[in-house]
Each structure stands twice: as C-alpha cells, then as structure tokens.
Amino acid sequence: MPDKKVLITGACGEIGQALIQSLSEEGNTEIISLDLKPLPEKLAGLSHHLQADLLKEDVIASLEKMNRFSHIYHLAAILSTTAEQNPFLAHKINSCITIDLLEMAARMSQAGNYSVKFLFPSSIAVYGLPDLKTKQSVPPVKENQFTDPTTMYGCSKLYCEKVGTYYSENFQQLADQIPTRVDFRAIRFPGIISAFTVPSGGTSDFGPEMIHAAAQGLPYDSFVRSDVTIPFMMMPDAVRSLIMLADTPVENLHQRIYNITSFSLSAGDFKEMTRSGYPDAEIGFQPDPKRQAIVDTWPEEIDDSPARTDWGWKPIYGTREVCQDYLLANISRHYS
C-alpha cells in the first residue's frame, strides 16, 4: 500500500477547498488538486495544484504516469440546471471523465495490489417520483426506490453509481485471476447550503440564493413554488461526510451508495428563515415551469438510516434552528 496520496478533482469548488484544508491537517497526506481554475491563495502550499482540463486526453495519462493514488475524490461535474442547457457536454464531463478516472484507478489497484478508494458525490437528482401526490405521500425514500431521473444530471449520476459499483464488484469477472478492484463509495447528497459561496447552476439553489440575495440587499424571486420541499444539508456536514465514508473500514459497509440528509425545508420555510435575519428582504415567487417540474420529481425526505448504521453518519447541523443561526451569522459576516 502506498503512502496516503489523494487526488481531488473539481478542487476549486467549496467542497474541494474544504477537503484540501481538512486532509492537509492529517499530516501524512500528499494532496494533488485539479481544476480548470487556479487554487485560491489561501490554500497555497497545502496541495500540488494542476490547472488542467480533464477532457484533454493527456491530462489523465500524465496523472497516472506521475502518481499512485490511495484516494480519489472526484468532485468535478456540471450541475443540474447547466447540464439541461448543454446535455452532451454534461455527459462528457459527468460520465465519460468518471469512467476515465475509474479506469485509471483500476489500473493503479491492479499494479499496486491495493484498492484505490474512489469517493463520488452523487445527488438526489437520481430520483424521479411520478407525480406530486406520490411525492407528498411516500415515506422517506430509500436508495433503491424511484430511481427514474428526468434530467441529464440525474441520469449521469445514476449511471456513474452503477459503473462505479461495477468496477468495485464485477470488473474483469471473466478473467482467470480476479484482479484487485477499485473501492468505489458514493454519497447521494441533498441540496447543499453554503454560507460562503453564492450557488450557481443547481436546481436546489432556490433556498441559498434567497439568503445570499437578502444579505446583499437584493430582491429575489424564487424559481419554485413556496410549498416545494426537498432535503438539505450544510456544506461543513457535506465535507465531513465524505471523509467519514472514506475512513470507514470496507467490512463495515453493506452497500456502495448512501443517502444522507439533515432536514427538509420548503421555499416558504427559506423565506421565513431569511426574513428572521433580514426583515426587509424582498422575496417573491415566480416559478419557472421547467425547473419547477424537475424539483417536483425529487423526494421531500430521504432515508439515510444505512449511513447512520454502517459508518456513524449524523449531521452536526441537524436542525433548522442550528442552521439558521449558522447561516445568518456567517452570511452577514461574509458580505460585511
């Protein structure tokens, strides 16, 4: 087994930046970060950063030639709304690059006789409930229910879950000698709320966008109805969950794909939360029929009991009240 050496793609996103900070504190970890953008100066020296495009054939080849990774956190992706505007590009980035990296991980696993851990952030966009009546009446949705996505983003995430599981459990199953396989692990994230980054391109962003707009003194019209409810979690919990899952011994895991969540909120709940900190905030509702239709296929609540049982998942920011205090304080400080 090599020394702990981590690759983080999409490293300039907030999850990527927080992962670099957290993993660098472990002391025994070498981090290679990769993104189309340069790494922020505040992270200088914490990783060896490559500013590169994974769609270029020589980038992955160069990564493989120069490194032997123990962990790959593959965060690079095109988000849901943007993916609908350019589905073919989303397919290439969200699906094809994932397979290319899984192939690299498989070769590294075989050559070094160890299982490269491949951490993959999936999404509630893999779900596709048939109608509002079902959405409002079903109990919290389990990982194996209603996986009929209606978006390219959801399709690509579900496909990568299946392919990642294949590389872990059935890759080269007809070979005379079964090789050491990749250790693929995925989390289906709900909507993620950040106090420090303005969201862009996500269909679940109506809540965070509302608070960030109010903090800047800007009016905001929600692109979904006030009653629309989906699960959410805070960014620090999202980052922590990836590290928790990566650190869990494989024998403790009974599946490769896990739901996690913290709480469910409606767009109307976000309006109340925002007004509690910004009483004069101008907030309206102007549903976009197309984006509304997408959100209506996502569950109101998801069942994350397997993650709680198998690897001890529990959100720190687990209630609306805790999140409200955290968000309003940090967003106000951010814009001041």
Protein backbone atom coordinates (compact mmCIF):
# COMPACT_ATOMS: atom_id res chain seq x y z
CA MET A 1 0.00 0.00 0.00
CA PRO A 2 1.48 3.40 -0.92
CA ASP A 3 1.63 6.36 1.40
CA LYS A 4 -1.68 8.23 1.55
CA LYS A 5 -1.83 10.21 -1.66
CA VAL A 6 -5.07 11.93 -2.61
CA LEU A 7 -6.40 13.29 -5.89
CA ILE A 8 -9.18 15.89 -5.67
CA THR A 9 -10.85 16.90 -8.94
CA GLY A 10 -13.05 19.99 -9.04
CA ALA A 11 -10.83 21.24 -6.23
CA CYS A 12 -11.76 24.92 -6.51
CA GLY A 13 -15.36 24.31 -5.51
CA GLU A 14 -16.21 24.79 -1.86
CA ILE A 15 -16.26 21.06 -1.10
CA GLY A 16 -12.89 20.70 -2.80
CA GLN A 17 -11.36 23.62 -0.92
CA ALA A 18 -12.66 22.36 2.42
CA LEU A 19 -11.37 18.85 1.66
CA ILE A 20 -7.91 20.23 0.97
CA GLN A 21 -7.94 22.10 4.28
CA SER A 22 -9.20 19.10 6.26
CA LEU A 23 -6.95 16.49 4.67
CA SER A 24 -3.86 18.69 4.92
CA GLU A 25 -4.32 18.73 8.69
CA GLU A 26 -3.82 14.97 8.84
CA GLY A 27 -0.10 15.45 8.29
CA ASN A 28 0.55 12.17 6.47
CA THR A 29 -1.34 13.01 3.29
CA GLU A 30 0.01 14.26 -0.01
CA ILE A 31 -2.69 16.09 -1.97
CA ILE A 32 -2.88 16.60 -5.73
CA SER A 33 -5.65 19.06 -6.60
CA LEU A 34 -7.01 19.63 -10.10
CA ASP A 35 -9.38 22.20 -11.55
CA LEU A 36 -9.87 24.43 -14.57
CA LYS A 37 -9.20 27.37 -12.25
CA PRO A 38 -6.16 28.28 -10.15
CA LEU A 39 -6.37 27.34 -6.48
CA PRO A 40 -7.17 30.27 -4.13
CA GLU A 41 -4.12 31.83 -2.49
CA LYS A 42 -5.37 30.88 0.98
CA LEU A 43 -4.69 27.22 0.10
CA ALA A 44 -1.22 27.81 -1.31
CA GLY A 45 1.20 25.14 -0.15
CA LEU A 46 -1.47 22.71 1.03
CA SER A 47 -1.58 20.79 -2.25
CA HIS A 48 0.21 20.40 -5.53
CA HIS A 49 -2.29 22.06 -7.86
CA LEU A 50 -2.77 21.29 -11.54
CA GLN A 51 -4.78 23.77 -13.58
CA ALA A 52 -5.98 21.47 -16.34
CA ASP A 53 -8.96 20.19 -18.33
CA LEU A 54 -9.80 16.53 -17.74
CA LEU A 55 -11.40 16.36 -21.17
CA LYS A 56 -7.91 16.56 -22.69
CA GLU A 57 -6.58 13.03 -23.20
CA ASP A 58 -3.08 13.67 -21.92
CA VAL A 59 -4.17 15.00 -18.52
CA ILE A 60 -5.25 11.68 -17.01
CA ALA A 61 -2.32 9.91 -18.67
CA SER A 62 0.04 12.41 -17.04
CA LEU A 63 -1.64 11.97 -13.65
CA GLU A 64 -1.26 8.21 -13.89
CA LYS A 65 2.36 8.35 -15.02
CA MET A 66 3.46 10.56 -12.14
CA ASN A 67 1.32 9.27 -9.25
CA ARG A 68 -0.03 6.29 -7.34
CA PHE A 69 -3.14 7.48 -5.54
CA SER A 70 -4.65 5.86 -2.47
CA HIS A 71 -7.80 8.02 -2.65
CA ILE A 72 -9.62 9.82 -5.46
CA TYR A 73 -12.30 12.37 -4.59
CA HIS A 74 -13.95 13.01 -7.94
CA LEU A 75 -15.89 16.24 -7.43
CA ALA A 76 -15.70 17.78 -10.91
CA ALA A 77 -19.15 17.97 -12.54
CA ILE A 78 -21.63 20.16 -14.39
CA LEU A 79 -24.64 20.84 -12.15
CA SER A 80 -28.29 20.19 -12.90
CA THR A 81 -29.61 23.39 -14.49
CA THR A 82 -26.45 23.93 -16.53
CA ALA A 83 -26.50 20.28 -17.60
CA GLU A 84 -30.00 20.70 -19.05
CA GLN A 85 -28.75 23.60 -21.15
CA ASN A 86 -25.90 21.52 -22.58
CA PRO A 87 -26.66 17.83 -22.01
CA PHE A 88 -23.95 16.46 -24.31
CA LEU A 89 -21.20 18.42 -22.57
CA ALA A 90 -22.66 17.30 -19.23
CA HIS A 91 -22.48 13.69 -20.41
CA LYS A 92 -18.84 14.05 -21.37
CA ILE A 93 -17.84 15.73 -18.12
CA ASN A 94 -20.10 13.94 -15.65
CA SER A 95 -19.99 10.43 -17.15
CA CYS A 96 -17.06 9.99 -19.53
CA ILE A 97 -14.47 11.60 -17.26
CA THR A 98 -15.72 9.49 -14.35
CA ILE A 99 -15.15 6.30 -16.36
CA ASP A 100 -11.71 7.50 -17.43
CA LEU A 101 -10.77 8.06 -13.79
CA LEU A 102 -12.24 4.69 -12.76
CA GLU A 103 -10.10 3.05 -15.45
CA MET A 104 -7.04 4.82 -14.06
CA ALA A 105 -7.97 3.75 -10.53
CA ALA A 106 -8.44 0.15 -11.72
CA ARG A 107 -5.00 0.07 -13.31
CA MET A 108 -3.44 1.52 -10.17
CA SER A 109 -5.28 -1.01 -7.99
CA GLN A 110 -4.03 -3.92 -10.10
CA ALA A 111 -0.46 -2.66 -10.48
CA GLY A 112 -0.05 -1.94 -6.78
CA ASN A 113 -2.22 -4.77 -5.45
CA TYR A 114 -4.28 -2.40 -3.31
CA SER A 115 -7.80 -0.98 -3.70
CA VAL A 116 -7.85 2.68 -4.62
CA LYS A 117 -10.70 4.35 -2.74
CA PHE A 118 -12.88 6.28 -5.18
CA LEU A 119 -15.23 8.78 -3.47
CA PHE A 120 -18.07 10.02 -5.64
CA PRO A 121 -20.62 12.75 -4.78
CA SER A 122 -23.97 11.70 -6.24
CA SER A 123 -27.28 13.53 -5.81
CA ILE A 124 -30.99 13.33 -5.04
CA ALA A 125 -31.34 14.16 -8.75
CA VAL A 126 -31.12 10.38 -9.36
CA TYR A 127 -34.68 10.13 -8.05
CA GLY A 128 -37.75 10.67 -10.20
CA LEU A 129 -41.10 10.48 -8.44
CA PRO A 130 -44.01 10.15 -10.87
CA ASP A 131 -46.30 12.89 -9.52
CA LEU A 132 -46.90 15.34 -6.68
CA LYS A 133 -49.32 13.03 -4.90
CA THR A 134 -46.62 10.39 -4.62
CA LYS A 135 -44.02 12.98 -3.59
CA GLN A 136 -46.21 14.23 -0.76
CA SER A 137 -47.41 10.85 0.50
CA VAL A 138 -44.48 8.42 0.40
CA PRO A 139 -42.30 7.82 3.46
CA PRO A 140 -38.63 8.82 3.31
CA VAL A 141 -37.24 7.38 0.09
CA LYS A 142 -34.64 4.61 0.25
CA GLU A 143 -31.67 4.20 -2.08
CA ASN A 144 -33.37 1.56 -4.24
CA GLN A 145 -36.67 3.39 -4.76
CA PHE A 146 -37.86 5.74 -7.54
CA THR A 147 -34.51 5.89 -9.35
CA ASP A 148 -36.02 7.24 -12.58
CA PRO A 149 -34.27 10.61 -13.11
CA THR A 150 -35.69 13.15 -15.54
CA THR A 151 -32.53 15.25 -16.03
CA MET A 152 -29.18 14.65 -17.69
CA TYR A 153 -27.52 15.46 -14.37
CA GLY A 154 -29.57 12.80 -12.58
CA CYS A 155 -29.02 10.27 -15.38
CA SER A 156 -25.27 10.81 -15.34
CA LYS A 157 -25.05 10.49 -11.56
CA LEU A 158 -27.11 7.28 -11.53
CA TYR A 159 -25.06 5.87 -14.41
CA CYS A 160 -21.79 6.62 -12.59
CA GLU A 161 -23.13 4.95 -9.44
CA LYS A 162 -23.80 1.81 -11.49
CA VAL A 163 -20.46 1.90 -13.29
CA GLY A 164 -18.55 2.59 -10.09
CA THR A 165 -20.25 -0.37 -8.43
CA TYR A 166 -19.33 -2.50 -11.47
CA TYR A 167 -15.65 -1.55 -11.18
CA SER A 168 -15.75 -2.49 -7.50
CA GLU A 169 -17.67 -5.75 -7.71
CA ASN A 170 -17.65 -7.19 -11.25
CA PHE A 171 -14.71 -5.69 -13.14
CA GLN A 172 -12.89 -8.38 -15.18
CA GLN A 173 -15.16 -11.04 -13.71
CA LEU A 174 -14.34 -13.45 -16.56
CA ALA A 175 -10.56 -13.24 -16.04
CA ASP A 176 -8.70 -16.36 -14.90
CA GLN A 177 -7.49 -14.46 -11.87
CA ILE A 178 -9.76 -11.77 -10.43
CA PRO A 179 -7.73 -8.56 -10.05
CA THR A 180 -7.63 -6.21 -7.10
CA ARG A 181 -10.55 -3.89 -7.70
CA VAL A 182 -11.38 -0.25 -7.03
CA ASP A 183 -13.14 0.55 -3.74
CA PHE A 184 -15.96 2.79 -5.03
CA ARG A 185 -18.11 4.67 -2.49
CA ALA A 186 -20.82 7.24 -3.25
CA ILE A 187 -22.99 9.65 -1.30
CA ARG A 188 -26.31 10.93 -2.63
CA PHE A 189 -26.27 14.49 -1.41
CA PRO A 190 -29.42 16.56 -0.89
CA GLY A 191 -29.39 20.28 -1.62
CA ILE A 192 -26.21 21.73 -0.09
CA ILE A 193 -26.26 25.15 1.57
CA SER A 194 -23.12 27.25 1.89
CA ALA A 195 -22.64 30.39 3.93
CA PHE A 196 -19.64 31.49 1.91
CA THR A 197 -20.23 30.70 -1.76
CA VAL A 198 -23.04 32.00 -3.94
CA PRO A 199 -24.65 28.98 -5.61
CA SER A 200 -24.70 28.66 -9.39
CA GLY A 201 -26.26 26.09 -11.66
CA GLY A 202 -28.08 23.90 -9.15
CA THR A 203 -31.82 23.24 -9.24
CA SER A 204 -31.85 23.04 -5.43
CA ASP A 205 -30.32 26.52 -5.11
CA PHE A 206 -33.57 28.42 -4.54
CA GLY A 207 -33.00 28.44 -0.76
CA PRO A 208 -29.34 29.51 -0.64
CA GLU A 209 -29.88 32.06 -3.42
CA MET A 210 -32.67 33.65 -1.39
CA ILE A 211 -30.49 34.20 1.70
CA HIS A 212 -27.45 35.43 -0.25
CA ALA A 213 -29.60 37.91 -2.18
CA ALA A 214 -31.12 39.31 1.02
CA ALA A 215 -27.69 39.70 2.61
CA GLN A 216 -26.68 41.88 -0.35
CA GLY A 217 -29.87 43.92 -0.21
CA LEU A 218 -31.13 42.48 -3.49
CA PRO A 219 -34.69 41.36 -4.28
CA TYR A 220 -35.19 37.71 -5.09
CA ASP A 221 -37.91 35.77 -6.90
CA SER A 222 -37.87 32.05 -6.21
CA PHE A 223 -37.99 29.86 -9.31
CA VAL A 224 -40.16 27.30 -7.45
CA ARG A 225 -43.46 27.48 -5.57
CA SER A 226 -43.44 28.35 -1.89
CA ASP A 227 -44.68 24.86 -0.92
CA VAL A 228 -41.89 22.96 -2.70
CA THR A 229 -39.97 20.86 -0.17
CA ILE A 230 -36.75 18.88 -0.60
CA PRO A 231 -33.98 17.72 1.77
CA PHE A 232 -30.97 19.91 2.52
CA MET A 233 -27.73 19.89 4.46
CA MET A 234 -24.98 22.34 5.37
CA MET A 235 -21.69 22.45 3.49
CA PRO A 236 -19.49 21.58 6.52
CA ASP A 237 -21.52 18.40 7.05
CA ALA A 238 -21.20 17.50 3.36
CA VAL A 239 -17.41 17.72 3.52
CA ARG A 240 -17.25 15.82 6.79
CA SER A 241 -19.44 13.03 5.42
CA LEU A 242 -17.06 12.34 2.52
CA ILE A 243 -14.12 11.99 4.89
CA MET A 244 -16.17 9.82 7.25
CA LEU A 245 -17.16 7.45 4.47
CA ALA A 246 -13.59 7.30 3.14
CA ASP A 247 -12.25 6.43 6.60
CA THR A 248 -14.77 3.65 7.30
CA PRO A 249 -13.32 0.10 7.03
CA VAL A 250 -14.74 -1.65 3.99
CA GLU A 251 -16.01 -4.56 6.09
CA ASN A 252 -18.41 -2.15 7.84
CA LEU A 253 -20.08 -1.14 4.58
CA HIS A 254 -23.11 -3.10 3.40
CA GLN A 255 -23.67 -1.05 0.24
CA ARG A 256 -21.76 1.33 -2.00
CA ILE A 257 -24.36 4.08 -2.44
CA TYR A 258 -25.63 6.00 0.58
CA ASN A 259 -28.29 8.65 1.13
CA ILE A 260 -27.51 11.31 3.69
CA THR A 261 -29.61 14.27 4.81
CA SER A 262 -30.07 16.75 7.64
CA PHE A 263 -33.54 18.31 7.35
CA SER A 264 -36.21 19.14 4.77
CA LEU A 265 -37.33 22.70 4.06
CA SER A 266 -39.78 24.33 1.68
CA ALA A 267 -39.12 27.51 -0.28
CA GLY A 268 -41.59 29.17 2.09
CA ASP A 269 -39.51 28.00 5.07
CA PHE A 270 -36.47 29.63 3.50
CA LYS A 271 -38.41 32.86 3.14
CA GLU A 272 -39.25 32.80 6.86
CA MET A 273 -35.65 31.97 7.74
CA THR A 274 -34.36 34.79 5.56
CA ARG A 275 -36.84 37.33 6.94
CA SER A 276 -35.79 36.42 10.51
CA GLY A 277 -32.38 37.88 9.75
CA TYR A 278 -33.32 40.38 7.08
CA PRO A 279 -36.84 41.66 7.89
CA ASP A 280 -36.94 43.99 4.88
CA ALA A 281 -35.90 41.37 2.37
CA GLU A 282 -37.92 41.48 -0.87
CA ILE A 283 -38.80 37.86 -1.63
CA GLY A 284 -41.35 36.70 -4.18
CA PHE A 285 -42.25 33.53 -6.02
CA GLN A 286 -42.14 33.36 -9.80
CA PRO A 287 -41.99 29.62 -10.57
CA ASP A 288 -40.13 28.60 -13.70
CA PRO A 289 -42.32 25.76 -15.05
CA LYS A 290 -39.36 23.76 -16.35
CA ARG A 291 -37.22 23.95 -13.21
CA GLN A 292 -40.35 23.51 -11.09
CA ALA A 293 -41.15 20.28 -12.92
CA ILE A 294 -37.68 18.93 -12.13
CA VAL A 295 -37.88 19.69 -8.40
CA ASP A 296 -41.35 18.14 -8.24
CA THR A 297 -39.78 14.76 -9.11
CA TRP A 298 -37.37 14.87 -6.16
CA PRO A 299 -38.45 13.41 -2.79
CA GLU A 300 -39.41 15.58 0.15
CA GLU A 301 -37.46 13.32 2.52
CA ILE A 302 -34.87 10.58 2.08
CA ASP A 303 -33.97 7.68 4.35
CA ASP A 304 -30.33 7.81 5.47
CA SER A 305 -30.52 5.05 8.11
CA PRO A 306 -27.96 2.79 6.31
CA ALA A 307 -25.33 5.57 6.51
CA ARG A 308 -26.10 6.11 10.19
CA THR A 309 -25.79 2.38 10.89
CA ASP A 310 -22.80 1.50 8.70
CA TRP A 311 -20.49 4.45 9.23
CA GLY A 312 -21.97 6.53 12.01
CA TRP A 313 -23.33 9.38 9.91
CA LYS A 314 -25.03 12.11 11.93
CA PRO A 315 -25.25 15.78 10.93
CA ILE A 316 -23.81 18.42 13.20
CA TYR A 317 -26.14 20.99 11.65
CA GLY A 318 -29.16 18.76 12.10
CA THR A 319 -31.97 21.18 12.87
CA ARG A 320 -33.43 24.22 11.19
CA GLU A 321 -32.67 26.38 14.24
CA VAL A 322 -28.96 25.48 14.31
CA CYS A 323 -28.67 26.07 10.56
CA GLN A 324 -30.50 29.39 10.75
CA ASP A 325 -28.11 30.73 13.37
CA TYR A 326 -25.06 29.46 11.48
CA LEU A 327 -26.18 30.74 8.09
CA LEU A 328 -27.37 34.18 9.08
CA ALA A 329 -24.30 34.91 11.20
CA ASN A 330 -21.77 33.75 8.62
CA ILE A 331 -23.51 35.15 5.54
CA SER A 332 -23.84 38.56 7.22
CA ARG A 333 -20.16 38.46 8.15
CA HIS A 334 -19.24 37.36 4.62
CA TYR A 335 -20.92 40.35 2.96
CA SER A 336 -19.90 42.88 5.58
